[in-house]
Amino acid sequence: MKEPNYAGFWIRTGAAIIDTILIVIVMLPLLTVGYGTGYWDSESLLHGFWDVLFNYLFPAIVVILFWTYKSATPGKILTKLTIVDAKTGAKPSTGQFIGRYLGYYISTIPFFLGLIWVAFDRRKQGWHDKLAGTVVIRNHKS
């Protein structure tokens, strides 16, 4: 069986930047309308229910839904990448996608080492991929 074309660090970083820009475009006006412009100058970590909803729950739900239905976020779709099960090459389960999302926290806490790991891993897996049993490959199916 032919080895998949694993997506490396830089293409995945590009996809993440695209996703971040899209999330900011949506969230910036919502948070400004909800809390006013003082929100951006505040030193408080949490500003209430809407802050938690818009900054944590909404992005998690959107990302997991994109992964579930498209096996990719908009950034991955635009860069022609897809997330697949590391063992079978098939679409991962919803449980794997949820685990992958939670794995991002583990990957980022120690100085983003789990994300940087993609640059050095043979299969280009970050810690979140390893935990969820996924890989990201090029040539996303449309």
N, C-alpha and C. Protein backbone atom coordinates (compact mmCIF):
# COMPACT_ATOMS: atom_id res chain seq x y z
N MET A 1 0.83 -1.18 0.00
CA MET A 1 0.00 0.00 0.00
C MET A 1 0.88 1.25 0.00
N LYS A 2 0.50 2.23 -0.81
CA LYS A 2 1.27 3.46 -0.95
C LYS A 2 1.12 4.34 0.30
N GLU A 3 2.24 4.90 0.75
CA GLU A 3 2.25 5.81 1.89
C GLU A 3 1.49 7.10 1.53
N PRO A 4 0.61 7.57 2.41
CA PRO A 4 -0.12 8.82 2.12
C PRO A 4 0.82 10.01 2.05
N ASN A 5 0.38 11.05 1.40
CA ASN A 5 1.13 12.29 1.31
C ASN A 5 0.76 13.15 2.53
N TYR A 6 1.52 12.99 3.62
CA TYR A 6 1.22 13.68 4.85
C TYR A 6 1.44 15.18 4.70
N ALA A 7 0.56 15.95 5.32
CA ALA A 7 0.66 17.41 5.28
C ALA A 7 1.63 17.87 6.35
N GLY A 8 2.62 18.65 5.94
CA GLY A 8 3.66 19.09 6.85
C GLY A 8 3.31 20.33 7.65
N PHE A 9 4.28 20.78 8.40
CA PHE A 9 4.12 21.87 9.35
C PHE A 9 3.64 23.16 8.69
N TRP A 10 4.29 23.60 7.62
CA TRP A 10 3.99 24.92 7.05
C TRP A 10 2.64 24.99 6.39
N ILE A 11 2.24 23.96 5.66
CA ILE A 11 0.92 23.98 5.03
C ILE A 11 -0.18 23.93 6.09
N ARG A 12 0.06 23.19 7.16
CA ARG A 12 -0.91 23.13 8.25
C ARG A 12 -0.95 24.46 9.00
N THR A 13 0.19 25.12 9.15
CA THR A 13 0.22 26.44 9.77
C THR A 13 -0.57 27.43 8.93
N GLY A 14 -0.41 27.36 7.61
CA GLY A 14 -1.18 28.23 6.72
C GLY A 14 -2.68 28.00 6.87
N ALA A 15 -3.08 26.75 6.95
CA ALA A 15 -4.50 26.43 7.14
C ALA A 15 -5.01 26.99 8.46
N ALA A 16 -4.20 26.87 9.51
CA ALA A 16 -4.58 27.38 10.83
C ALA A 16 -4.71 28.90 10.82
N ILE A 17 -3.84 29.57 10.09
CA ILE A 17 -3.91 31.03 9.99
C ILE A 17 -5.20 31.44 9.29
N ILE A 18 -5.55 30.75 8.22
CA ILE A 18 -6.81 31.03 7.52
C ILE A 18 -7.99 30.86 8.47
N ASP A 19 -8.00 29.75 9.22
CA ASP A 19 -9.08 29.50 10.18
C ASP A 19 -9.15 30.58 11.25
N THR A 20 -8.01 30.99 11.75
CA THR A 20 -7.96 32.02 12.78
C THR A 20 -8.52 33.34 12.25
N ILE A 21 -8.14 33.71 11.05
CA ILE A 21 -8.65 34.95 10.45
C ILE A 21 -10.17 34.87 10.31
N LEU A 22 -10.69 33.74 9.85
CA LEU A 22 -12.15 33.60 9.70
C LEU A 22 -12.87 33.69 11.05
N ILE A 23 -12.30 33.07 12.07
CA ILE A 23 -12.92 33.12 13.40
C ILE A 23 -12.90 34.56 13.93
N VAL A 24 -11.79 35.27 13.74
CA VAL A 24 -11.69 36.66 14.21
C VAL A 24 -12.71 37.54 13.48
N ILE A 25 -12.88 37.33 12.18
CA ILE A 25 -13.84 38.11 11.41
C ILE A 25 -15.26 37.95 11.96
N VAL A 26 -15.58 36.76 12.42
CA VAL A 26 -16.91 36.51 12.99
C VAL A 26 -16.99 36.99 14.44
N MET A 27 -15.98 36.69 15.24
CA MET A 27 -16.05 36.94 16.67
C MET A 27 -15.83 38.40 17.07
N LEU A 28 -14.97 39.10 16.39
CA LEU A 28 -14.65 40.47 16.76
C LEU A 28 -15.90 41.34 16.84
N PRO A 29 -16.74 41.36 15.81
CA PRO A 29 -17.95 42.20 15.92
C PRO A 29 -18.92 41.71 16.99
N LEU A 30 -19.05 40.39 17.14
CA LEU A 30 -19.98 39.86 18.14
C LEU A 30 -19.56 40.26 19.55
N LEU A 31 -18.28 40.13 19.86
CA LEU A 31 -17.79 40.49 21.19
C LEU A 31 -17.86 42.01 21.42
N THR A 32 -17.59 42.78 20.38
CA THR A 32 -17.66 44.24 20.50
C THR A 32 -19.09 44.70 20.72
N VAL A 33 -20.04 44.12 20.00
CA VAL A 33 -21.45 44.46 20.20
C VAL A 33 -21.90 44.02 21.59
N GLY A 34 -21.49 42.83 21.99
CA GLY A 34 -21.91 42.30 23.28
C GLY A 34 -21.33 43.01 24.48
N TYR A 35 -20.09 43.44 24.39
CA TYR A 35 -19.39 44.00 25.56
C TYR A 35 -18.89 45.43 25.37
N GLY A 36 -18.98 45.95 24.17
CA GLY A 36 -18.48 47.30 23.91
C GLY A 36 -16.98 47.28 23.63
N THR A 37 -16.47 48.41 23.21
CA THR A 37 -15.05 48.48 22.84
C THR A 37 -14.12 48.34 24.05
N GLY A 38 -14.65 48.57 25.25
CA GLY A 38 -13.85 48.40 26.46
C GLY A 38 -13.41 46.96 26.69
N TYR A 39 -14.09 46.03 26.03
CA TYR A 39 -13.74 44.61 26.14
C TYR A 39 -12.28 44.39 25.75
N TRP A 40 -11.83 45.09 24.75
CA TRP A 40 -10.49 44.88 24.19
C TRP A 40 -9.40 45.49 25.06
N ASP A 41 -9.75 46.41 25.94
CA ASP A 41 -8.77 47.03 26.84
C ASP A 41 -8.76 46.40 28.23
N SER A 42 -9.72 45.56 28.50
CA SER A 42 -9.88 44.99 29.83
C SER A 42 -8.77 43.97 30.14
N GLU A 43 -8.43 43.89 31.40
CA GLU A 43 -7.44 42.90 31.84
C GLU A 43 -8.09 41.64 32.38
N SER A 44 -9.41 41.64 32.44
CA SER A 44 -10.15 40.48 32.94
C SER A 44 -10.05 39.32 31.95
N LEU A 45 -9.89 38.11 32.47
CA LEU A 45 -9.79 36.93 31.60
C LEU A 45 -11.14 36.50 31.06
N LEU A 46 -12.18 36.62 31.87
CA LEU A 46 -13.53 36.24 31.44
C LEU A 46 -14.50 37.37 31.74
N HIS A 47 -15.38 37.62 30.79
CA HIS A 47 -16.34 38.72 30.92
C HIS A 47 -17.77 38.23 31.06
N GLY A 48 -17.95 36.96 31.25
CA GLY A 48 -19.31 36.46 31.44
C GLY A 48 -19.68 35.37 30.45
N PHE A 49 -20.96 35.06 30.45
CA PHE A 49 -21.50 33.96 29.64
C PHE A 49 -21.17 34.10 28.16
N TRP A 50 -21.42 35.27 27.59
CA TRP A 50 -21.22 35.45 26.15
C TRP A 50 -19.75 35.32 25.77
N ASP A 51 -18.89 35.75 26.65
CA ASP A 51 -17.45 35.63 26.41
C ASP A 51 -17.07 34.15 26.30
N VAL A 52 -17.53 33.35 27.25
CA VAL A 52 -17.25 31.91 27.22
C VAL A 52 -17.88 31.27 25.98
N LEU A 53 -19.12 31.66 25.68
CA LEU A 53 -19.81 31.11 24.51
C LEU A 53 -19.06 31.43 23.22
N PHE A 54 -18.73 32.70 23.01
CA PHE A 54 -18.12 33.12 21.75
C PHE A 54 -16.64 32.73 21.62
N ASN A 55 -15.92 32.70 22.72
CA ASN A 55 -14.48 32.41 22.64
C ASN A 55 -14.12 30.95 22.80
N TYR A 56 -14.98 30.17 23.43
CA TYR A 56 -14.62 28.78 23.70
C TYR A 56 -15.61 27.77 23.12
N LEU A 57 -16.87 27.91 23.47
CA LEU A 57 -17.85 26.92 23.02
C LEU A 57 -18.14 27.01 21.52
N PHE A 58 -18.43 28.21 21.03
CA PHE A 58 -18.76 28.37 19.62
C PHE A 58 -17.63 27.88 18.69
N PRO A 59 -16.38 28.31 18.91
CA PRO A 59 -15.31 27.80 18.03
C PRO A 59 -15.16 26.28 18.11
N ALA A 60 -15.28 25.71 19.30
CA ALA A 60 -15.15 24.25 19.43
C ALA A 60 -16.24 23.54 18.65
N ILE A 61 -17.47 24.00 18.78
CA ILE A 61 -18.60 23.38 18.08
C ILE A 61 -18.43 23.51 16.57
N VAL A 62 -18.07 24.69 16.10
CA VAL A 62 -17.90 24.91 14.66
C VAL A 62 -16.79 24.03 14.09
N VAL A 63 -15.65 24.00 14.76
CA VAL A 63 -14.52 23.19 14.28
C VAL A 63 -14.90 21.71 14.23
N ILE A 64 -15.48 21.21 15.31
CA ILE A 64 -15.85 19.79 15.34
C ILE A 64 -16.91 19.47 14.30
N LEU A 65 -17.86 20.38 14.07
CA LEU A 65 -18.86 20.15 13.01
C LEU A 65 -18.20 20.13 11.62
N PHE A 66 -17.29 21.05 11.37
CA PHE A 66 -16.56 21.04 10.08
C PHE A 66 -15.80 19.73 9.91
N TRP A 67 -15.09 19.32 10.96
CA TRP A 67 -14.35 18.07 10.89
C TRP A 67 -15.30 16.89 10.63
N THR A 68 -16.44 16.88 11.32
CA THR A 68 -17.38 15.76 11.19
C THR A 68 -17.96 15.69 9.79
N TYR A 69 -18.33 16.82 9.21
CA TYR A 69 -18.99 16.81 7.91
C TYR A 69 -18.05 16.93 6.72
N LYS A 70 -16.89 17.56 6.91
CA LYS A 70 -15.96 17.78 5.79
C LYS A 70 -14.58 17.17 6.01
N SER A 71 -14.32 16.63 7.19
CA SER A 71 -12.99 16.13 7.57
C SER A 71 -11.92 17.21 7.44
N ALA A 72 -12.34 18.45 7.55
CA ALA A 72 -11.43 19.59 7.41
C ALA A 72 -12.13 20.86 7.86
N THR A 73 -11.33 21.84 8.27
CA THR A 73 -11.83 23.18 8.54
C THR A 73 -11.76 23.97 7.23
N PRO A 74 -12.32 25.18 7.17
CA PRO A 74 -12.20 25.96 5.93
C PRO A 74 -10.74 26.16 5.50
N GLY A 75 -9.84 26.39 6.44
CA GLY A 75 -8.42 26.55 6.09
C GLY A 75 -7.84 25.30 5.46
N LYS A 76 -8.21 24.14 5.99
CA LYS A 76 -7.73 22.88 5.41
C LYS A 76 -8.37 22.64 4.04
N ILE A 77 -9.64 23.00 3.89
CA ILE A 77 -10.31 22.84 2.60
C ILE A 77 -9.60 23.69 1.54
N LEU A 78 -9.31 24.95 1.89
CA LEU A 78 -8.65 25.85 0.94
C LEU A 78 -7.23 25.40 0.60
N THR A 79 -6.56 24.74 1.53
CA THR A 79 -5.19 24.26 1.28
C THR A 79 -5.17 22.79 0.82
N LYS A 80 -6.35 22.26 0.56
CA LYS A 80 -6.51 20.89 0.04
C LYS A 80 -5.93 19.82 0.97
N LEU A 81 -6.32 19.93 2.24
CA LEU A 81 -5.91 18.96 3.25
C LEU A 81 -7.15 18.28 3.82
N THR A 82 -6.98 17.08 4.33
CA THR A 82 -8.07 16.39 4.99
C THR A 82 -7.53 15.58 6.17
N ILE A 83 -8.38 15.41 7.16
CA ILE A 83 -8.02 14.62 8.34
C ILE A 83 -8.57 13.22 8.14
N VAL A 84 -7.72 12.22 8.35
CA VAL A 84 -8.15 10.82 8.21
C VAL A 84 -7.67 10.00 9.40
N ASP A 85 -8.28 8.85 9.57
CA ASP A 85 -7.86 7.91 10.60
C ASP A 85 -6.45 7.42 10.26
N ALA A 86 -5.57 7.42 11.23
CA ALA A 86 -4.17 7.07 11.00
C ALA A 86 -3.98 5.62 10.58
N LYS A 87 -4.84 4.72 11.04
CA LYS A 87 -4.69 3.30 10.73
C LYS A 87 -5.35 2.90 9.42
N THR A 88 -6.56 3.43 9.17
CA THR A 88 -7.34 2.97 8.02
C THR A 88 -7.35 3.93 6.84
N GLY A 89 -7.06 5.20 7.09
CA GLY A 89 -7.17 6.20 6.03
C GLY A 89 -8.60 6.64 5.79
N ALA A 90 -9.53 6.10 6.56
CA ALA A 90 -10.95 6.45 6.43
C ALA A 90 -11.25 7.69 7.26
N LYS A 91 -12.48 8.14 7.17
CA LYS A 91 -12.92 9.28 7.95
C LYS A 91 -12.92 8.91 9.43
N PRO A 92 -12.33 9.75 10.28
CA PRO A 92 -12.33 9.48 11.71
C PRO A 92 -13.74 9.56 12.30
N SER A 93 -13.91 8.96 13.46
CA SER A 93 -15.19 9.00 14.15
C SER A 93 -15.37 10.36 14.82
N THR A 94 -16.60 10.67 15.18
CA THR A 94 -16.88 11.91 15.91
C THR A 94 -16.09 11.93 17.22
N GLY A 95 -15.98 10.79 17.88
CA GLY A 95 -15.20 10.70 19.11
C GLY A 95 -13.74 11.04 18.88
N GLN A 96 -13.19 10.59 17.76
CA GLN A 96 -11.80 10.94 17.44
C GLN A 96 -11.67 12.45 17.22
N PHE A 97 -12.65 13.05 16.55
CA PHE A 97 -12.60 14.49 16.30
C PHE A 97 -12.69 15.27 17.61
N ILE A 98 -13.56 14.85 18.52
CA ILE A 98 -13.66 15.52 19.82
C ILE A 98 -12.35 15.36 20.59
N GLY A 99 -11.80 14.16 20.59
CA GLY A 99 -10.51 13.93 21.24
C GLY A 99 -9.40 14.75 20.63
N ARG A 100 -9.44 14.90 19.31
CA ARG A 100 -8.43 15.69 18.60
C ARG A 100 -8.52 17.15 19.04
N TYR A 101 -9.73 17.67 19.14
CA TYR A 101 -9.91 19.06 19.57
C TYR A 101 -9.38 19.25 20.99
N LEU A 102 -9.76 18.38 21.89
CA LEU A 102 -9.27 18.46 23.27
C LEU A 102 -7.75 18.30 23.33
N GLY A 103 -7.22 17.49 22.40
CA GLY A 103 -5.77 17.30 22.32
C GLY A 103 -5.01 18.56 21.96
N TYR A 104 -5.69 19.52 21.32
CA TYR A 104 -5.04 20.80 21.03
C TYR A 104 -4.57 21.48 22.31
N TYR A 105 -5.37 21.37 23.37
CA TYR A 105 -4.97 21.99 24.64
C TYR A 105 -3.68 21.36 25.16
N ILE A 106 -3.60 20.04 25.08
CA ILE A 106 -2.39 19.34 25.51
C ILE A 106 -1.21 19.72 24.62
N SER A 107 -1.47 19.89 23.33
CA SER A 107 -0.41 20.24 22.38
C SER A 107 0.12 21.65 22.56
N THR A 108 -0.72 22.56 23.07
CA THR A 108 -0.30 23.96 23.16
C THR A 108 0.28 24.34 24.51
N ILE A 109 -0.11 23.65 25.56
CA ILE A 109 0.30 24.06 26.91
C ILE A 109 1.82 24.13 27.07
N PRO A 110 2.58 23.11 26.68
CA PRO A 110 4.03 23.25 26.87
C PRO A 110 4.70 23.97 25.70
N PHE A 111 4.51 25.30 25.63
CA PHE A 111 5.18 26.12 24.62
C PHE A 111 4.87 25.70 23.18
N PHE A 112 3.64 25.22 22.93
CA PHE A 112 3.20 24.78 21.60
C PHE A 112 4.01 23.60 21.06
N LEU A 113 4.71 22.91 21.92
CA LEU A 113 5.58 21.81 21.51
C LEU A 113 4.82 20.72 20.75
N GLY A 114 3.59 20.44 21.18
CA GLY A 114 2.79 19.40 20.51
C GLY A 114 2.39 19.78 19.09
N LEU A 115 2.31 21.07 18.80
CA LEU A 115 2.02 21.52 17.43
C LEU A 115 3.30 21.55 16.60
N ILE A 116 4.38 22.01 17.21
CA ILE A 116 5.68 22.06 16.52
C ILE A 116 6.15 20.65 16.17
N TRP A 117 5.70 19.68 16.95
CA TRP A 117 6.07 18.28 16.73
C TRP A 117 5.79 17.83 15.30
N VAL A 118 4.80 18.42 14.67
CA VAL A 118 4.44 18.09 13.27
C VAL A 118 5.66 18.22 12.37
N ALA A 119 6.51 19.20 12.62
CA ALA A 119 7.69 19.44 11.78
C ALA A 119 8.71 18.31 11.83
N PHE A 120 8.69 17.53 12.92
CA PHE A 120 9.73 16.52 13.12
C PHE A 120 9.24 15.09 13.03
N ASP A 121 7.95 14.89 13.09
CA ASP A 121 7.38 13.56 13.11
C ASP A 121 7.38 12.94 11.71
N ARG A 122 7.67 11.66 11.62
CA ARG A 122 7.71 10.96 10.34
C ARG A 122 6.37 11.03 9.59
N ARG A 123 5.28 10.93 10.34
CA ARG A 123 3.94 10.99 9.72
C ARG A 123 3.30 12.37 9.86
N LYS A 124 4.09 13.35 10.29
CA LYS A 124 3.65 14.74 10.43
C LYS A 124 2.47 14.86 11.40
N GLN A 125 2.50 14.07 12.48
CA GLN A 125 1.45 14.11 13.48
C GLN A 125 1.84 15.02 14.63
N GLY A 126 0.90 15.89 15.02
CA GLY A 126 1.05 16.63 16.26
C GLY A 126 0.57 15.73 17.38
N TRP A 127 0.78 16.17 18.61
CA TRP A 127 0.34 15.35 19.74
C TRP A 127 -1.16 15.12 19.70
N HIS A 128 -1.92 16.14 19.26
CA HIS A 128 -3.37 15.99 19.16
C HIS A 128 -3.74 14.90 18.16
N ASP A 129 -2.97 14.78 17.08
CA ASP A 129 -3.19 13.71 16.09
C ASP A 129 -2.88 12.35 16.70
N LYS A 130 -1.77 12.28 17.40
CA LYS A 130 -1.38 11.00 18.01
C LYS A 130 -2.42 10.55 19.03
N LEU A 131 -2.89 11.48 19.86
CA LEU A 131 -3.90 11.15 20.86
C LEU A 131 -5.21 10.68 20.23
N ALA A 132 -5.58 11.29 19.11
CA ALA A 132 -6.86 10.96 18.46
C ALA A 132 -6.73 9.85 17.42
N GLY A 133 -5.50 9.47 17.07
CA GLY A 133 -5.30 8.45 16.04
C GLY A 133 -5.63 8.97 14.65
N THR A 134 -5.22 10.22 14.36
CA THR A 134 -5.48 10.83 13.06
C THR A 134 -4.19 11.30 12.41
N VAL A 135 -4.26 11.51 11.11
CA VAL A 135 -3.20 12.17 10.35
C VAL A 135 -3.87 13.16 9.41
N VAL A 136 -3.10 14.14 8.97
CA VAL A 136 -3.60 15.11 7.99
C VAL A 136 -2.84 14.85 6.70
N ILE A 137 -3.61 14.68 5.62
CA ILE A 137 -3.00 14.37 4.33
C ILE A 137 -3.35 15.43 3.30
N ARG A 138 -2.52 15.49 2.26
CA ARG A 138 -2.77 16.38 1.13
C ARG A 138 -3.77 15.73 0.18
N ASN A 139 -4.24 16.53 -0.79
CA ASN A 139 -5.18 16.05 -1.81
C ASN A 139 -6.55 15.76 -1.22
N HIS A 140 -7.07 16.76 -0.53
CA HIS A 140 -8.40 16.69 0.08
C HIS A 140 -9.44 16.35 -0.99
N LYS A 141 -10.29 15.39 -0.66
CA LYS A 141 -11.39 15.03 -1.56
C LYS A 141 -12.44 16.12 -1.51
N SER A 142 -12.90 16.58 -2.65
CA SER A 142 -13.94 17.62 -2.71
C SER A 142 -15.30 17.03 -2.54
